[in-house]
Amino acid sequence: MSETNAQTDLPEGAEPAADAASLEAELAKARDDRLRALAEVENTRRRAERQAADARAYAIDRFATDLLAVADTLSRALSAAPRDDADEGFRNLLTGVELTEKSLLDAFARHGLKRVGAKGDVFDPKIHQAIAQIPSEHPANTIAEVMQPGYVLGERTLRAAMVVVSAGRGQDAPSVDIKV
């Protein structure tokens, strides 16, 4: 075969080097497109896993919010109950209410629901709602009184704790800037 016959497979006027460069560019673009598609599939898979994990973790938030009133009522009943001079029947009832509250809080804890807002904790506006600021024996910017405990589910605040924040000792206490 002659040289002219060997080149008949190429289009007229086409150079083999230019054709190879064009094919390499197409190949590089196809590889890039493939890598981008794989990255998009991986991102979609991760997003779906994250959404499924959030759905599992926060599936009980409405139900738990409804049960917070029950926990509050049990807590108020226990704090209002007289401890002195109670007959045995009343003490047994009080013990039953204490065990019921403990069981409820244990069930909350098993499902990731945690009570927040204890006396002496540092004030955190993400989980506490300051309703007042008073001078107290507690250091400034700490919780002096808890009016209503708060609850968090995982990292989400279901209900902020209503608290009174300490301004520090006495009248000379520094002012604490609390955003309500």
N, C-alpha and C. Protein backbone atom coordinates (compact mmCIF):
# COMPACT_ATOMS: atom_id res chain seq x y z
N MET A 1 0.83 -1.19 0.00
CA MET A 1 0.00 0.00 0.00
C MET A 1 0.86 1.24 0.00
N SER A 2 0.38 2.20 -0.65
CA SER A 2 1.14 3.45 -0.70
C SER A 2 0.72 4.33 0.46
N GLU A 3 1.49 5.35 0.64
CA GLU A 3 1.23 6.27 1.74
C GLU A 3 -0.10 6.98 1.58
N THR A 4 -0.48 7.29 0.41
CA THR A 4 -1.75 7.99 0.19
C THR A 4 -2.92 7.09 0.49
N ASN A 5 -2.81 5.81 0.21
CA ASN A 5 -3.90 4.89 0.52
C ASN A 5 -4.04 4.69 2.03
N ALA A 6 -2.97 4.72 2.81
CA ALA A 6 -3.01 4.51 4.26
C ALA A 6 -3.71 5.68 4.95
N GLN A 7 -3.68 6.82 4.36
CA GLN A 7 -4.28 7.98 4.98
C GLN A 7 -5.70 8.23 4.50
N THR A 8 -6.29 7.33 3.78
CA THR A 8 -7.64 7.55 3.26
C THR A 8 -8.69 7.48 4.36
N ASP A 9 -8.37 6.89 5.50
CA ASP A 9 -9.34 6.83 6.61
C ASP A 9 -9.54 8.19 7.27
N LEU A 10 -8.62 9.09 7.13
CA LEU A 10 -8.71 10.42 7.73
C LEU A 10 -9.52 11.34 6.83
N PRO A 11 -10.27 12.25 7.41
CA PRO A 11 -10.97 13.22 6.57
C PRO A 11 -9.98 14.05 5.78
N GLU A 12 -10.45 14.55 4.66
CA GLU A 12 -9.58 15.33 3.79
C GLU A 12 -9.07 16.58 4.51
N GLY A 13 -7.84 16.82 4.47
CA GLY A 13 -7.23 18.01 5.05
C GLY A 13 -6.98 17.88 6.55
N ALA A 14 -7.33 16.76 7.16
CA ALA A 14 -7.15 16.60 8.61
C ALA A 14 -5.74 16.12 8.91
N GLU A 15 -5.18 16.65 9.91
CA GLU A 15 -3.85 16.26 10.34
C GLU A 15 -4.00 15.25 11.48
N PRO A 16 -3.22 14.21 11.52
CA PRO A 16 -3.33 13.22 12.60
C PRO A 16 -3.06 13.82 13.97
N ALA A 17 -2.15 14.76 14.12
CA ALA A 17 -1.84 15.36 15.41
C ALA A 17 -3.01 16.20 15.91
N ALA A 18 -3.65 16.94 15.04
CA ALA A 18 -4.79 17.77 15.45
C ALA A 18 -5.96 16.89 15.86
N ASP A 19 -6.14 15.80 15.12
CA ASP A 19 -7.23 14.88 15.43
C ASP A 19 -7.00 14.22 16.80
N ALA A 20 -5.78 13.85 17.10
CA ALA A 20 -5.44 13.23 18.39
C ALA A 20 -5.65 14.22 19.53
N ALA A 21 -5.28 15.48 19.32
CA ALA A 21 -5.47 16.50 20.35
C ALA A 21 -6.95 16.72 20.62
N SER A 22 -7.74 16.69 19.58
CA SER A 22 -9.19 16.86 19.73
C SER A 22 -9.78 15.69 20.52
N LEU A 23 -9.34 14.49 20.19
CA LEU A 23 -9.83 13.31 20.91
C LEU A 23 -9.39 13.32 22.37
N GLU A 24 -8.17 13.77 22.63
CA GLU A 24 -7.69 13.86 24.02
C GLU A 24 -8.50 14.90 24.80
N ALA A 25 -8.84 16.01 24.18
CA ALA A 25 -9.66 17.03 24.84
C ALA A 25 -11.04 16.47 25.17
N GLU A 26 -11.62 15.73 24.22
CA GLU A 26 -12.93 15.10 24.47
C GLU A 26 -12.85 14.09 25.61
N LEU A 27 -11.77 13.33 25.63
CA LEU A 27 -11.56 12.34 26.68
C LEU A 27 -11.42 13.03 28.04
N ALA A 28 -10.65 14.10 28.09
CA ALA A 28 -10.48 14.85 29.34
C ALA A 28 -11.82 15.41 29.81
N LYS A 29 -12.62 15.95 28.89
CA LYS A 29 -13.94 16.48 29.25
C LYS A 29 -14.86 15.37 29.75
N ALA A 30 -14.81 14.21 29.11
CA ALA A 30 -15.63 13.07 29.54
C ALA A 30 -15.21 12.60 30.93
N ARG A 31 -13.91 12.57 31.20
CA ARG A 31 -13.42 12.19 32.53
C ARG A 31 -13.89 13.20 33.57
N ASP A 32 -13.79 14.48 33.25
CA ASP A 32 -14.22 15.53 34.16
C ASP A 32 -15.72 15.41 34.44
N ASP A 33 -16.51 15.21 33.39
CA ASP A 33 -17.95 15.05 33.55
C ASP A 33 -18.27 13.84 34.43
N ARG A 34 -17.54 12.75 34.21
CA ARG A 34 -17.75 11.53 35.01
C ARG A 34 -17.42 11.78 36.47
N LEU A 35 -16.29 12.45 36.76
CA LEU A 35 -15.91 12.75 38.14
C LEU A 35 -16.93 13.67 38.81
N ARG A 36 -17.41 14.64 38.06
CA ARG A 36 -18.43 15.55 38.62
C ARG A 36 -19.72 14.79 38.94
N ALA A 37 -20.11 13.89 38.05
CA ALA A 37 -21.32 13.10 38.27
C ALA A 37 -21.15 12.19 39.49
N LEU A 38 -19.97 11.58 39.64
CA LEU A 38 -19.71 10.75 40.81
C LEU A 38 -19.73 11.57 42.10
N ALA A 39 -19.16 12.76 42.05
CA ALA A 39 -19.16 13.64 43.22
C ALA A 39 -20.58 14.05 43.58
N GLU A 40 -21.40 14.33 42.58
CA GLU A 40 -22.79 14.71 42.83
C GLU A 40 -23.57 13.55 43.45
N VAL A 41 -23.33 12.34 42.97
CA VAL A 41 -23.98 11.16 43.54
C VAL A 41 -23.55 10.98 44.99
N GLU A 42 -22.28 11.14 45.28
CA GLU A 42 -21.78 11.01 46.65
C GLU A 42 -22.37 12.08 47.56
N ASN A 43 -22.45 13.33 47.07
CA ASN A 43 -23.05 14.41 47.86
C ASN A 43 -24.52 14.13 48.13
N THR A 44 -25.24 13.62 47.15
CA THR A 44 -26.66 13.29 47.33
C THR A 44 -26.81 12.18 48.36
N ARG A 45 -25.95 11.17 48.29
CA ARG A 45 -25.99 10.06 49.26
C ARG A 45 -25.74 10.57 50.68
N ARG A 46 -24.73 11.43 50.85
CA ARG A 46 -24.42 11.99 52.17
C ARG A 46 -25.57 12.84 52.70
N ARG A 47 -26.16 13.66 51.82
CA ARG A 47 -27.28 14.51 52.21
C ARG A 47 -28.46 13.65 52.66
N ALA A 48 -28.74 12.58 51.93
CA ALA A 48 -29.84 11.67 52.30
C ALA A 48 -29.57 11.00 53.63
N GLU A 49 -28.32 10.57 53.86
CA GLU A 49 -27.97 9.96 55.15
C GLU A 49 -28.13 10.96 56.29
N ARG A 50 -27.70 12.20 56.07
CA ARG A 50 -27.82 13.24 57.10
C ARG A 50 -29.29 13.54 57.40
N GLN A 51 -30.12 13.62 56.35
CA GLN A 51 -31.54 13.87 56.55
C GLN A 51 -32.21 12.71 57.27
N ALA A 52 -31.82 11.50 56.95
CA ALA A 52 -32.39 10.32 57.63
C ALA A 52 -31.97 10.31 59.10
N ALA A 53 -30.72 10.65 59.38
CA ALA A 53 -30.25 10.70 60.77
C ALA A 53 -30.99 11.79 61.55
N ASP A 54 -31.18 12.95 60.94
CA ASP A 54 -31.94 14.02 61.59
C ASP A 54 -33.38 13.60 61.83
N ALA A 55 -33.97 12.94 60.87
CA ALA A 55 -35.35 12.48 61.02
C ALA A 55 -35.47 11.50 62.19
N ARG A 56 -34.49 10.59 62.30
CA ARG A 56 -34.50 9.65 63.43
C ARG A 56 -34.30 10.38 64.75
N ALA A 57 -33.35 11.32 64.78
CA ALA A 57 -33.02 12.01 66.02
C ALA A 57 -34.13 12.94 66.49
N TYR A 58 -34.81 13.58 65.56
CA TYR A 58 -35.79 14.60 65.94
C TYR A 58 -37.23 14.17 65.66
N ALA A 59 -37.45 12.88 65.44
CA ALA A 59 -38.80 12.40 65.14
C ALA A 59 -39.75 12.60 66.31
N ILE A 60 -39.23 12.61 67.52
CA ILE A 60 -40.10 12.70 68.69
C ILE A 60 -40.29 14.12 69.19
N ASP A 61 -39.81 15.13 68.47
CA ASP A 61 -39.84 16.48 69.03
C ASP A 61 -41.24 16.98 69.35
N ARG A 62 -42.22 16.74 68.49
CA ARG A 62 -43.59 17.21 68.80
C ARG A 62 -44.18 16.45 69.97
N PHE A 63 -43.98 15.14 69.97
CA PHE A 63 -44.50 14.32 71.06
C PHE A 63 -43.83 14.72 72.38
N ALA A 64 -42.52 14.90 72.36
CA ALA A 64 -41.79 15.29 73.56
C ALA A 64 -42.25 16.66 74.05
N THR A 65 -42.49 17.58 73.14
CA THR A 65 -42.97 18.91 73.52
C THR A 65 -44.31 18.80 74.24
N ASP A 66 -45.17 17.91 73.77
CA ASP A 66 -46.46 17.71 74.44
C ASP A 66 -46.28 17.14 75.84
N LEU A 67 -45.26 16.31 76.04
CA LEU A 67 -45.04 15.70 77.36
C LEU A 67 -44.35 16.63 78.35
N LEU A 68 -43.82 17.74 77.88
CA LEU A 68 -43.15 18.67 78.80
C LEU A 68 -44.13 19.20 79.84
N ALA A 69 -45.38 19.39 79.46
CA ALA A 69 -46.38 19.86 80.41
C ALA A 69 -46.58 18.83 81.53
N VAL A 70 -46.51 17.56 81.19
CA VAL A 70 -46.65 16.51 82.20
C VAL A 70 -45.47 16.57 83.17
N ALA A 71 -44.27 16.72 82.64
CA ALA A 71 -43.08 16.83 83.49
C ALA A 71 -43.17 18.05 84.40
N ASP A 72 -43.64 19.17 83.85
CA ASP A 72 -43.80 20.38 84.66
C ASP A 72 -44.81 20.18 85.78
N THR A 73 -45.92 19.54 85.47
CA THR A 73 -46.96 19.31 86.47
C THR A 73 -46.46 18.41 87.59
N LEU A 74 -45.74 17.36 87.23
CA LEU A 74 -45.18 16.48 88.27
C LEU A 74 -44.19 17.25 89.14
N SER A 75 -43.37 18.06 88.53
CA SER A 75 -42.38 18.85 89.27
C SER A 75 -43.05 19.84 90.22
N ARG A 76 -44.09 20.52 89.70
CA ARG A 76 -44.81 21.48 90.56
C ARG A 76 -45.52 20.77 91.71
N ALA A 77 -46.09 19.60 91.46
CA ALA A 77 -46.75 18.84 92.52
C ALA A 77 -45.76 18.45 93.60
N LEU A 78 -44.58 18.04 93.20
CA LEU A 78 -43.57 17.65 94.19
C LEU A 78 -43.06 18.85 94.98
N SER A 79 -42.91 19.99 94.33
CA SER A 79 -42.40 21.16 95.06
C SER A 79 -43.46 21.77 95.97
N ALA A 80 -44.73 21.56 95.67
CA ALA A 80 -45.81 22.11 96.50
C ALA A 80 -46.22 21.18 97.64
N ALA A 81 -45.84 19.93 97.55
CA ALA A 81 -46.27 18.96 98.56
C ALA A 81 -45.58 19.21 99.89
N PRO A 82 -46.36 19.20 100.98
CA PRO A 82 -45.75 19.37 102.31
C PRO A 82 -44.94 18.12 102.67
N ARG A 83 -43.77 18.32 103.20
CA ARG A 83 -42.89 17.19 103.55
C ARG A 83 -43.00 16.84 105.04
N ASP A 84 -43.39 17.79 105.84
CA ASP A 84 -43.45 17.59 107.29
C ASP A 84 -44.84 17.12 107.71
N ASP A 85 -44.89 16.35 108.74
CA ASP A 85 -46.14 15.93 109.38
C ASP A 85 -47.13 15.29 108.41
N ALA A 86 -46.66 14.62 107.40
CA ALA A 86 -47.55 13.95 106.46
C ALA A 86 -47.76 12.51 106.95
N ASP A 87 -48.99 12.03 106.79
CA ASP A 87 -49.25 10.66 107.21
C ASP A 87 -48.62 9.68 106.22
N GLU A 88 -48.61 8.42 106.58
CA GLU A 88 -47.92 7.41 105.77
C GLU A 88 -48.53 7.29 104.38
N GLY A 89 -49.84 7.38 104.27
CA GLY A 89 -50.49 7.29 102.97
C GLY A 89 -50.05 8.41 102.04
N PHE A 90 -49.96 9.62 102.57
CA PHE A 90 -49.53 10.76 101.75
C PHE A 90 -48.07 10.62 101.36
N ARG A 91 -47.23 10.15 102.29
CA ARG A 91 -45.81 9.95 101.97
C ARG A 91 -45.66 8.91 100.86
N ASN A 92 -46.48 7.86 100.90
CA ASN A 92 -46.45 6.84 99.85
C ASN A 92 -46.88 7.43 98.50
N LEU A 93 -47.91 8.27 98.53
CA LEU A 93 -48.35 8.93 97.31
C LEU A 93 -47.24 9.83 96.76
N LEU A 94 -46.62 10.57 97.63
CA LEU A 94 -45.53 11.46 97.24
C LEU A 94 -44.37 10.66 96.64
N THR A 95 -44.04 9.54 97.23
CA THR A 95 -42.99 8.67 96.70
C THR A 95 -43.37 8.18 95.31
N GLY A 96 -44.64 7.83 95.11
CA GLY A 96 -45.10 7.39 93.80
C GLY A 96 -44.98 8.48 92.75
N VAL A 97 -45.31 9.71 93.13
CA VAL A 97 -45.18 10.84 92.19
C VAL A 97 -43.71 11.09 91.87
N GLU A 98 -42.83 10.99 92.87
CA GLU A 98 -41.39 11.15 92.63
C GLU A 98 -40.88 10.09 91.67
N LEU A 99 -41.31 8.84 91.85
CA LEU A 99 -40.89 7.76 90.96
C LEU A 99 -41.43 7.95 89.55
N THR A 100 -42.65 8.47 89.45
CA THR A 100 -43.23 8.75 88.14
C THR A 100 -42.44 9.82 87.41
N GLU A 101 -42.09 10.88 88.13
CA GLU A 101 -41.28 11.94 87.51
C GLU A 101 -39.92 11.40 87.08
N LYS A 102 -39.29 10.60 87.94
CA LYS A 102 -37.99 10.02 87.61
C LYS A 102 -38.11 9.13 86.38
N SER A 103 -39.16 8.32 86.30
CA SER A 103 -39.35 7.44 85.14
C SER A 103 -39.53 8.25 83.86
N LEU A 104 -40.29 9.34 83.96
CA LEU A 104 -40.50 10.19 82.78
C LEU A 104 -39.19 10.82 82.33
N LEU A 105 -38.42 11.34 83.27
CA LEU A 105 -37.13 11.96 82.92
C LEU A 105 -36.15 10.93 82.38
N ASP A 106 -36.19 9.71 82.91
CA ASP A 106 -35.33 8.63 82.38
C ASP A 106 -35.73 8.29 80.95
N ALA A 107 -37.03 8.24 80.68
CA ALA A 107 -37.51 7.96 79.31
C ALA A 107 -37.08 9.09 78.37
N PHE A 108 -37.17 10.33 78.85
CA PHE A 108 -36.69 11.47 78.06
C PHE A 108 -35.21 11.27 77.72
N ALA A 109 -34.41 10.94 78.72
CA ALA A 109 -32.97 10.79 78.53
C ALA A 109 -32.65 9.67 77.55
N ARG A 110 -33.39 8.57 77.62
CA ARG A 110 -33.14 7.46 76.69
C ARG A 110 -33.37 7.86 75.24
N HIS A 111 -34.20 8.87 75.03
CA HIS A 111 -34.52 9.31 73.67
C HIS A 111 -33.83 10.63 73.31
N GLY A 112 -32.83 11.01 74.12
CA GLY A 112 -32.02 12.18 73.79
C GLY A 112 -32.59 13.51 74.25
N LEU A 113 -33.65 13.49 75.04
CA LEU A 113 -34.25 14.72 75.55
C LEU A 113 -33.65 15.01 76.91
N LYS A 114 -33.07 16.20 77.07
CA LYS A 114 -32.34 16.52 78.28
C LYS A 114 -32.89 17.81 78.90
N ARG A 115 -33.03 17.79 80.22
CA ARG A 115 -33.49 18.97 80.96
C ARG A 115 -32.30 19.91 81.12
N VAL A 116 -32.52 21.20 80.88
CA VAL A 116 -31.45 22.20 81.02
C VAL A 116 -31.96 23.34 81.90
N GLY A 117 -31.03 24.09 82.45
CA GLY A 117 -31.36 25.25 83.25
C GLY A 117 -31.31 24.94 84.73
N ALA A 118 -30.12 24.72 85.24
CA ALA A 118 -29.96 24.46 86.67
C ALA A 118 -29.32 25.67 87.34
N LYS A 119 -29.67 25.87 88.60
CA LYS A 119 -29.10 26.96 89.39
C LYS A 119 -27.57 26.84 89.37
N GLY A 120 -26.89 27.95 89.09
CA GLY A 120 -25.43 27.97 89.07
C GLY A 120 -24.83 27.76 87.69
N ASP A 121 -25.63 27.29 86.72
CA ASP A 121 -25.12 27.14 85.34
C ASP A 121 -24.82 28.51 84.75
N VAL A 122 -23.90 28.54 83.80
CA VAL A 122 -23.61 29.78 83.08
C VAL A 122 -24.76 30.05 82.12
N PHE A 123 -25.19 31.30 82.06
CA PHE A 123 -26.28 31.69 81.17
C PHE A 123 -25.88 31.50 79.72
N ASP A 124 -26.73 30.81 78.95
CA ASP A 124 -26.51 30.58 77.52
C ASP A 124 -27.79 30.97 76.79
N PRO A 125 -27.77 32.04 76.01
CA PRO A 125 -29.00 32.50 75.36
C PRO A 125 -29.60 31.51 74.37
N LYS A 126 -28.84 30.48 73.97
CA LYS A 126 -29.40 29.48 73.06
C LYS A 126 -30.35 28.52 73.77
N ILE A 127 -30.15 28.34 75.09
CA ILE A 127 -31.00 27.39 75.81
C ILE A 127 -31.70 28.01 77.03
N HIS A 128 -31.38 29.26 77.33
CA HIS A 128 -32.01 29.94 78.47
C HIS A 128 -32.71 31.21 78.01
N GLN A 129 -33.81 31.51 78.67
CA GLN A 129 -34.51 32.77 78.44
C GLN A 129 -34.47 33.54 79.76
N ALA A 130 -33.75 34.66 79.76
CA ALA A 130 -33.64 35.46 80.99
C ALA A 130 -34.90 36.28 81.16
N ILE A 131 -35.52 36.15 82.34
CA ILE A 131 -36.72 36.95 82.61
C ILE A 131 -36.43 38.07 83.59
N ALA A 132 -35.28 37.98 84.26
CA ALA A 132 -34.88 39.05 85.18
C ALA A 132 -33.40 38.90 85.49
N GLN A 133 -32.85 39.97 86.06
CA GLN A 133 -31.47 39.96 86.50
C GLN A 133 -31.44 40.53 87.90
N ILE A 134 -30.82 39.80 88.83
CA ILE A 134 -30.81 40.24 90.23
C ILE A 134 -29.41 40.11 90.81
N PRO A 135 -29.11 40.92 91.82
CA PRO A 135 -27.86 40.68 92.55
C PRO A 135 -28.03 39.41 93.39
N SER A 136 -27.00 38.59 93.43
CA SER A 136 -27.07 37.37 94.24
C SER A 136 -25.67 36.92 94.61
N GLU A 137 -25.62 35.84 95.40
CA GLU A 137 -24.32 35.30 95.80
C GLU A 137 -23.64 34.53 94.67
N HIS A 138 -24.37 34.27 93.60
CA HIS A 138 -23.79 33.58 92.44
C HIS A 138 -22.97 34.56 91.61
N PRO A 139 -21.94 34.08 90.91
CA PRO A 139 -21.16 34.97 90.05
C PRO A 139 -22.04 35.58 88.95
N ALA A 140 -21.60 36.70 88.43
CA ALA A 140 -22.34 37.37 87.36
C ALA A 140 -22.48 36.44 86.16
N ASN A 141 -23.60 36.58 85.47
CA ASN A 141 -23.91 35.84 84.25
C ASN A 141 -24.12 34.35 84.48
N THR A 142 -24.51 34.00 85.71
CA THR A 142 -24.89 32.61 86.01
C THR A 142 -26.36 32.61 86.44
N ILE A 143 -26.95 31.44 86.43
CA ILE A 143 -28.37 31.32 86.76
C ILE A 143 -28.54 31.35 88.28
N ALA A 144 -29.32 32.32 88.76
CA ALA A 144 -29.58 32.46 90.19
C ALA A 144 -30.86 31.70 90.58
N GLU A 145 -31.85 31.67 89.72
CA GLU A 145 -33.11 30.97 89.97
C GLU A 145 -33.63 30.39 88.66
N VAL A 146 -34.28 29.25 88.75
CA VAL A 146 -34.91 28.62 87.59
C VAL A 146 -36.42 28.71 87.79
N MET A 147 -37.08 29.42 86.90
CA MET A 147 -38.53 29.55 86.99
C MET A 147 -39.22 28.37 86.30
N GLN A 148 -38.63 27.91 85.19
CA GLN A 148 -39.16 26.76 84.46
C GLN A 148 -37.99 26.12 83.73
N PRO A 149 -37.77 24.81 83.94
CA PRO A 149 -36.64 24.18 83.25
C PRO A 149 -36.89 24.13 81.75
N GLY A 150 -35.81 24.07 81.01
CA GLY A 150 -35.90 23.95 79.56
C GLY A 150 -35.50 22.55 79.14
N TYR A 151 -35.70 22.25 77.87
CA TYR A 151 -35.36 20.93 77.35
C TYR A 151 -34.74 21.06 75.98
N VAL A 152 -33.71 20.24 75.74
CA VAL A 152 -33.08 20.17 74.44
C VAL A 152 -33.16 18.73 73.94
N LEU A 153 -33.37 18.60 72.64
CA LEU A 153 -33.39 17.30 71.99
C LEU A 153 -32.22 17.28 71.04
N GLY A 154 -31.20 16.49 71.39
CA GLY A 154 -29.97 16.51 70.60
C GLY A 154 -29.34 17.89 70.71
N GLU A 155 -29.31 18.60 69.60
CA GLU A 155 -28.75 19.95 69.60
C GLU A 155 -29.83 21.01 69.46
N ARG A 156 -31.07 20.59 69.39
CA ARG A 156 -32.20 21.49 69.20
C ARG A 156 -32.83 21.85 70.53
N THR A 157 -33.11 23.12 70.74
CA THR A 157 -33.80 23.55 71.94
C THR A 157 -35.30 23.41 71.69
N LEU A 158 -35.95 22.53 72.48
CA LEU A 158 -37.41 22.40 72.37
C LEU A 158 -38.09 23.51 73.14
N ARG A 159 -37.58 23.79 74.32
CA ARG A 159 -38.12 24.88 75.12
C ARG A 159 -36.98 25.47 75.93
N ALA A 160 -36.81 26.77 75.82
CA ALA A 160 -35.76 27.45 76.58
C ALA A 160 -36.14 27.49 78.06
N ALA A 161 -35.14 27.36 78.91
CA ALA A 161 -35.38 27.46 80.35
C ALA A 161 -35.61 28.92 80.70
N MET A 162 -36.65 29.17 81.49
CA MET A 162 -36.92 30.54 81.96
C MET A 162 -36.16 30.72 83.27
N VAL A 163 -35.20 31.65 83.25
CA VAL A 163 -34.29 31.78 84.38
C VAL A 163 -34.13 33.24 84.81
N VAL A 164 -33.69 33.38 86.06
CA VAL A 164 -33.28 34.67 86.60
C VAL A 164 -31.76 34.63 86.65
N VAL A 165 -31.13 35.64 86.08
CA VAL A 165 -29.68 35.65 85.95
C VAL A 165 -29.07 36.54 87.03
N SER A 166 -27.96 36.08 87.57
CA SER A 166 -27.27 36.81 88.61
C SER A 166 -26.48 37.97 88.01
N ALA A 167 -26.54 39.10 88.70
CA ALA A 167 -25.74 40.25 88.32
C ALA A 167 -24.46 40.30 89.14
N GLY A 168 -24.28 39.34 90.01
CA GLY A 168 -23.11 39.30 90.88
C GLY A 168 -23.51 39.65 92.30
N ARG A 169 -22.52 39.85 93.14
CA ARG A 169 -22.77 40.12 94.56
C ARG A 169 -23.11 41.58 94.80
N GLY A 170 -24.17 41.81 95.52
CA GLY A 170 -24.53 43.13 96.00
C GLY A 170 -24.84 44.15 94.92
N GLN A 171 -24.90 45.39 95.32
CA GLN A 171 -25.26 46.49 94.43
C GLN A 171 -24.10 46.90 93.54
N ASP A 172 -22.87 46.54 93.92
CA ASP A 172 -21.70 46.93 93.14
C ASP A 172 -21.43 45.95 91.99
N ALA A 173 -22.36 45.08 91.77
CA ALA A 173 -22.16 44.05 90.73
C ALA A 173 -22.12 44.70 89.36
N PRO A 174 -21.26 44.18 88.50
CA PRO A 174 -21.21 44.73 87.14
C PRO A 174 -22.48 44.39 86.38
N SER A 175 -22.84 45.25 85.47
CA SER A 175 -24.03 45.02 84.65
C SER A 175 -23.71 43.97 83.60
N VAL A 176 -24.62 43.02 83.44
CA VAL A 176 -24.45 41.97 82.46
C VAL A 176 -25.44 42.25 81.34
N ASP A 177 -24.92 42.28 80.12
CA ASP A 177 -25.77 42.54 78.96
C ASP A 177 -26.45 41.24 78.53
N ILE A 178 -27.73 41.11 78.81
CA ILE A 178 -28.47 39.91 78.46
C ILE A 178 -29.51 40.30 77.44
N LYS A 179 -29.48 39.59 76.33
CA LYS A 179 -30.46 39.83 75.28
C LYS A 179 -31.58 38.84 75.44
N VAL A 180 -32.76 39.36 75.61
CA VAL A 180 -33.94 38.50 75.81
C VAL A 180 -34.70 38.39 74.52
